[in-house]
């Protein structure tokens, strides 16, 4: 049978999601725990790859096994075995060709910017001391919806076949003393959200004009876009799937 895991993690201690030599990752820790409980090597495939330090409030991964188990019991035992910064919310059966990455219809990220120095959130949000023009940042974020090719926001050394992404929404909100940026798309390129936020922060600081966003996107040149903001304030919030992937018993 094929199963989906629904999980969340604090990425501070990990070198991202995907397995890497000589570096601890979220995928590696979960695979080891699953293999112990199922008593067989159990590789998992995630919905995407988050970079080192990035968090997820909702992530999915699939795995195959012939071992029979109770889903609720596996959730309980996995959580007992996993470290405090990784939590399993659910395990459920899916159809045989379901794929955690390729069947995802959309993904949503949140980026948190703190507007005041706070000793309790410096490791979960990005503190920007100068005053930001949120109106300009919001206006510039709407320009993103007019385009599909986002090569200018992608890491240069990447093996993707296309830089096209369908951005569904991009929005800034002021929540207490924090600016929160949410962006939803069918897919994201490596480092894309952090590069977008860095560009929008430059606009908010008045270093570039709102209309410059058009030229940056059309350039397809990473060096034209803004800096990559720190990973510790980025969260994968939601991954959406069609109901048809669930196994109907």
Protein backbone atom coordinates (compact mmCIF):
# COMPACT_ATOMS: atom_id res chain seq x y z
CA UNK A 1 0.00 0.00 0.00
CA UNK A 2 0.98 3.61 -0.46
CA UNK A 3 0.54 6.10 2.37
CA UNK A 4 0.78 9.84 2.86
CA UNK A 5 2.33 11.35 5.97
CA UNK A 6 1.14 14.79 7.08
CA UNK A 7 3.72 16.50 9.27
CA UNK A 8 5.20 19.76 10.54
CA UNK A 9 8.70 20.71 11.59
CA UNK A 10 10.87 23.47 12.96
CA UNK A 11 13.72 23.60 10.46
CA UNK A 12 16.28 25.42 12.64
CA UNK A 13 18.38 22.31 13.32
CA UNK A 14 18.21 20.85 9.81
CA UNK A 15 19.96 21.35 6.49
CA UNK A 16 16.63 21.42 4.72
CA UNK A 17 14.18 18.65 3.84
CA UNK A 18 16.05 16.49 1.32
CA UNK A 19 18.70 13.91 2.18
CA UNK A 20 22.27 15.17 1.85
CA UNK A 21 25.67 13.60 2.54
CA UNK A 22 27.27 14.75 5.80
CA UNK A 23 24.29 16.88 6.88
CA UNK A 24 21.22 16.08 8.95
CA UNK A 25 17.88 16.62 7.19
CA UNK A 26 14.19 16.23 8.05
CA UNK A 27 13.73 13.48 5.45
CA UNK A 28 16.59 11.44 6.91
CA UNK A 29 15.28 11.62 10.48
CA UNK A 30 11.76 10.53 9.47
CA UNK A 31 13.03 7.70 7.26
CA UNK A 32 15.10 6.31 10.13
CA UNK A 33 12.11 6.41 12.50
CA UNK A 34 9.80 4.77 9.95
CA UNK A 35 12.35 2.04 9.22
CA UNK A 36 12.65 1.24 12.93
CA UNK A 37 8.88 0.95 13.39
CA UNK A 38 8.13 -0.93 10.16
CA UNK A 39 11.28 -3.06 10.47
CA UNK A 40 12.23 -2.44 6.83
CA UNK A 41 14.03 0.30 4.91
CA UNK A 42 11.34 2.90 4.17
CA UNK A 43 12.28 5.79 1.87
CA UNK A 44 9.88 8.73 1.70
CA UNK A 45 9.23 11.35 -1.01
CA UNK A 46 8.28 14.86 0.09
CA UNK A 47 5.95 17.41 -1.47
CA UNK A 48 8.95 19.66 -2.09
CA UNK A 49 12.37 20.69 -0.86
CA UNK A 50 12.67 23.33 1.83
CA UNK A 51 16.08 24.96 2.32
CA UNK A 52 18.19 24.82 5.47
CA UNK A 53 16.45 26.61 8.34
CA UNK A 54 13.03 26.84 6.66
CA UNK A 55 10.02 25.59 8.66
CA UNK A 56 6.82 23.79 7.67
CA UNK A 57 3.47 23.91 9.44
CA UNK A 58 2.13 21.49 6.83
CA UNK A 59 4.24 19.13 4.73
CA UNK A 60 3.33 15.84 3.09
CA UNK A 61 5.42 12.84 2.09
CA UNK A 62 4.54 9.43 0.66
CA UNK A 63 5.94 5.96 1.29
CA UNK A 64 5.21 2.38 0.27
CA UNK A 65 5.04 -0.64 2.55
CA UNK A 66 3.59 -4.14 2.74
CA UNK A 67 3.54 -3.96 6.53
CA UNK A 68 0.04 -3.87 8.02
CA UNK A 69 -0.47 -1.28 10.76
CA UNK A 70 -3.07 0.97 12.36
CA UNK A 71 -2.67 4.55 11.11
CA UNK A 72 -3.41 6.11 14.50
CA UNK A 73 -0.95 3.78 16.21
CA UNK A 74 1.79 4.63 13.72
CA UNK A 75 1.24 8.38 14.28
CA UNK A 76 1.55 7.85 18.05
CA UNK A 77 4.70 5.70 17.79
CA UNK A 78 6.37 7.98 15.25
CA UNK A 79 5.82 11.03 17.43
CA UNK A 80 7.27 9.15 20.40
CA UNK A 81 10.38 8.27 18.38
CA UNK A 82 10.91 11.56 16.52
CA UNK A 83 12.65 14.59 18.08
CA UNK A 84 10.64 17.49 19.50
CA UNK A 85 11.04 19.61 16.35
CA UNK A 86 9.27 17.14 14.01
CA UNK A 87 5.61 16.16 14.51
CA UNK A 88 3.36 13.77 12.55
CA UNK A 89 -0.29 14.84 12.30
CA UNK A 90 -1.76 12.11 10.14
CA UNK A 91 -1.09 8.96 8.10
CA UNK A 92 -3.59 7.89 5.45
CA UNK A 93 -3.85 5.50 2.52
CA UNK A 94 -3.70 6.89 -1.02
CA UNK A 95 -4.11 5.39 -4.49
CA UNK A 96 -1.09 3.57 -5.92
CA UNK A 97 0.00 6.30 -8.36
CA UNK A 98 -0.42 9.17 -5.86
CA UNK A 99 2.73 11.29 -5.58
CA UNK A 100 3.39 13.80 -2.79
CA UNK A 101 5.24 16.15 -5.12
CA UNK A 102 3.61 15.75 -8.52
CA UNK A 103 -0.02 15.60 -7.36
CA UNK A 104 0.22 18.76 -5.25
CA UNK A 105 -2.09 21.37 -6.80
CA UNK A 106 -0.73 24.34 -4.85
CA UNK A 107 1.66 25.36 -2.10
CA UNK A 108 1.45 28.37 0.21
CA UNK A 109 4.30 30.05 2.07
CA UNK A 110 4.40 32.65 4.85
CA UNK A 111 7.26 35.06 5.50
CA UNK A 112 7.36 36.98 8.79
CA UNK A 113 9.03 40.38 9.21
CA UNK A 114 9.22 41.87 12.70
CA UNK A 115 8.95 45.66 12.86
CA UNK A 116 10.35 45.95 16.36
CA UNK A 117 13.22 44.34 18.20
CA UNK A 118 11.78 41.43 20.15
CA UNK A 119 13.90 39.07 22.22
CA UNK A 120 11.29 36.32 21.91
CA UNK A 121 10.90 36.11 18.12
CA UNK A 122 14.34 36.87 16.66
CA UNK A 123 14.74 33.22 15.67
CA UNK A 124 11.28 32.89 14.08
CA UNK A 125 10.94 36.21 12.19
CA UNK A 126 13.21 38.65 10.35
CA UNK A 127 13.74 41.97 12.12
CA UNK A 128 13.91 44.96 9.76
CA UNK A 129 14.76 48.15 11.64
CA UNK A 130 14.21 50.90 8.99
CA UNK A 131 10.62 51.94 8.28
CA UNK A 132 9.03 50.06 5.37
CA UNK A 133 6.44 51.47 2.95
CA UNK A 134 3.95 48.62 3.12
CA UNK A 135 1.68 50.22 0.49
CA UNK A 136 4.45 50.10 -2.10
CA UNK A 137 5.35 46.54 -1.12
CA UNK A 138 1.73 45.47 -1.55
CA UNK A 139 1.47 47.23 -4.92
CA UNK A 140 4.65 45.56 -6.15
CA UNK A 141 3.51 42.14 -4.96
CA UNK A 142 0.44 42.37 -7.22
CA UNK A 143 2.72 42.77 -10.25
CA UNK A 144 3.82 39.17 -9.65
CA UNK A 145 0.37 37.95 -10.70
CA UNK A 146 0.90 39.39 -14.19
CA UNK A 147 3.80 37.05 -14.99
CA UNK A 148 4.62 33.34 -15.12
CA UNK A 149 8.39 33.19 -15.81
CA UNK A 150 10.28 33.82 -12.55
CA UNK A 151 13.83 32.89 -13.51
CA UNK A 152 15.02 36.17 -11.93
CA UNK A 153 14.05 34.82 -8.47
CA UNK A 154 15.55 31.35 -8.89
CA UNK A 155 18.90 30.01 -7.73
CA UNK A 156 21.21 29.99 -10.72
CA UNK A 157 22.52 26.43 -10.37
CA UNK A 158 19.28 24.49 -10.58
CA UNK A 159 18.14 21.62 -12.79
CA UNK A 160 14.53 22.69 -13.49
CA UNK A 161 13.09 22.31 -16.99
CA UNK A 162 10.95 25.45 -16.71
CA UNK A 163 10.92 28.62 -14.63
CA UNK A 164 7.16 29.04 -15.07
CA UNK A 165 4.97 29.24 -11.97
CA UNK A 166 1.32 30.22 -11.66
CA UNK A 167 1.10 32.58 -8.67
CA UNK A 168 -2.47 32.50 -7.32
CA UNK A 169 -2.08 35.21 -4.69
CA UNK A 170 0.56 37.36 -3.01
CA UNK A 171 -0.38 39.58 -0.09
CA UNK A 172 1.06 41.63 2.80
CA UNK A 173 -0.75 41.99 6.12
CA UNK A 174 0.15 43.89 9.27
CA UNK A 175 -0.41 41.67 12.32
CA UNK A 176 0.42 43.50 15.55
CA UNK A 177 4.10 44.48 15.18
CA UNK A 178 4.73 42.02 12.37
CA UNK A 179 4.45 42.16 8.58
CA UNK A 180 3.30 38.85 7.15
CA UNK A 181 3.67 37.98 3.47
CA UNK A 182 1.69 35.04 2.08
CA UNK A 183 2.21 33.71 -1.41
CA UNK A 184 0.45 30.79 -3.08
CA UNK A 185 1.34 29.13 -6.38
CA UNK A 186 1.15 25.81 -8.19
CA UNK A 187 4.92 25.44 -7.73
CA UNK A 188 7.95 27.40 -6.53
CA UNK A 189 11.55 27.58 -7.70
CA UNK A 190 14.50 27.13 -5.34
CA UNK A 191 14.98 30.24 -3.19
CA UNK A 192 12.09 31.95 -5.02
CA UNK A 193 10.08 33.18 -2.04
CA UNK A 194 13.10 34.55 -0.19
CA UNK A 195 14.29 36.37 -3.32
CA UNK A 196 10.82 37.84 -3.90
CA UNK A 197 10.60 39.06 -0.30
CA UNK A 198 14.10 40.56 -0.52
CA UNK A 199 13.08 42.46 -3.65
CA UNK A 200 9.88 43.70 -2.01
CA UNK A 201 11.82 44.84 1.07
CA UNK A 202 14.12 46.90 -1.18
CA UNK A 203 11.01 48.51 -2.66
CA UNK A 204 9.64 49.13 0.85
CA UNK A 205 12.91 50.80 1.81
CA UNK A 206 12.70 53.08 -1.24
CA UNK A 207 15.85 51.69 -2.83
CA UNK A 208 14.00 50.77 -6.03
CA UNK A 209 10.65 51.89 -7.45
CA UNK A 210 7.51 49.76 -7.61
CA UNK A 211 7.53 49.73 -11.42
CA UNK A 212 11.06 48.29 -11.40
CA UNK A 213 9.45 44.93 -10.56
CA UNK A 214 8.41 44.61 -14.23
CA UNK A 215 11.98 45.09 -15.47
CA UNK A 216 13.39 42.70 -12.86
CA UNK A 217 11.01 39.90 -13.87
CA UNK A 218 11.52 40.50 -17.60
CA UNK A 219 15.32 40.45 -17.16
CA UNK A 220 15.32 36.76 -16.09
CA UNK A 221 18.52 37.70 -14.25
CA UNK A 222 18.95 36.78 -10.58
CA UNK A 223 21.42 39.61 -10.01
CA UNK A 224 18.74 42.17 -10.92
CA UNK A 225 16.41 41.02 -8.11
CA UNK A 226 16.80 41.73 -4.40
CA UNK A 227 18.80 39.86 -1.80
CA UNK A 228 17.65 36.56 -0.35
CA UNK A 229 16.09 37.20 3.07
CA UNK A 230 17.02 34.83 5.96
CA UNK A 231 15.53 31.33 5.93
CA UNK A 232 14.48 31.24 9.61
CA UNK A 233 11.40 33.44 8.99
CA UNK A 234 9.99 31.34 6.12
CA UNK A 235 7.22 28.75 6.63
CA UNK A 236 5.61 26.27 4.25
CA UNK A 237 2.01 26.67 5.40
CA UNK A 238 -0.12 24.47 3.18
CA UNK A 239 0.09 21.89 0.40
CA UNK A 240 -3.20 21.14 -1.39
CA UNK A 241 -4.15 17.89 -3.14
CA UNK A 242 -7.18 16.65 -5.07
CA UNK A 243 -9.51 14.42 -3.06
CA UNK A 244 -9.15 11.78 -5.77
CA UNK A 245 -5.72 10.67 -4.45
CA UNK A 246 -7.25 9.21 -1.27
CA UNK A 247 -7.78 5.48 -1.17
CA UNK A 248 -11.49 4.65 -1.07
CA UNK A 249 -11.94 1.46 0.93
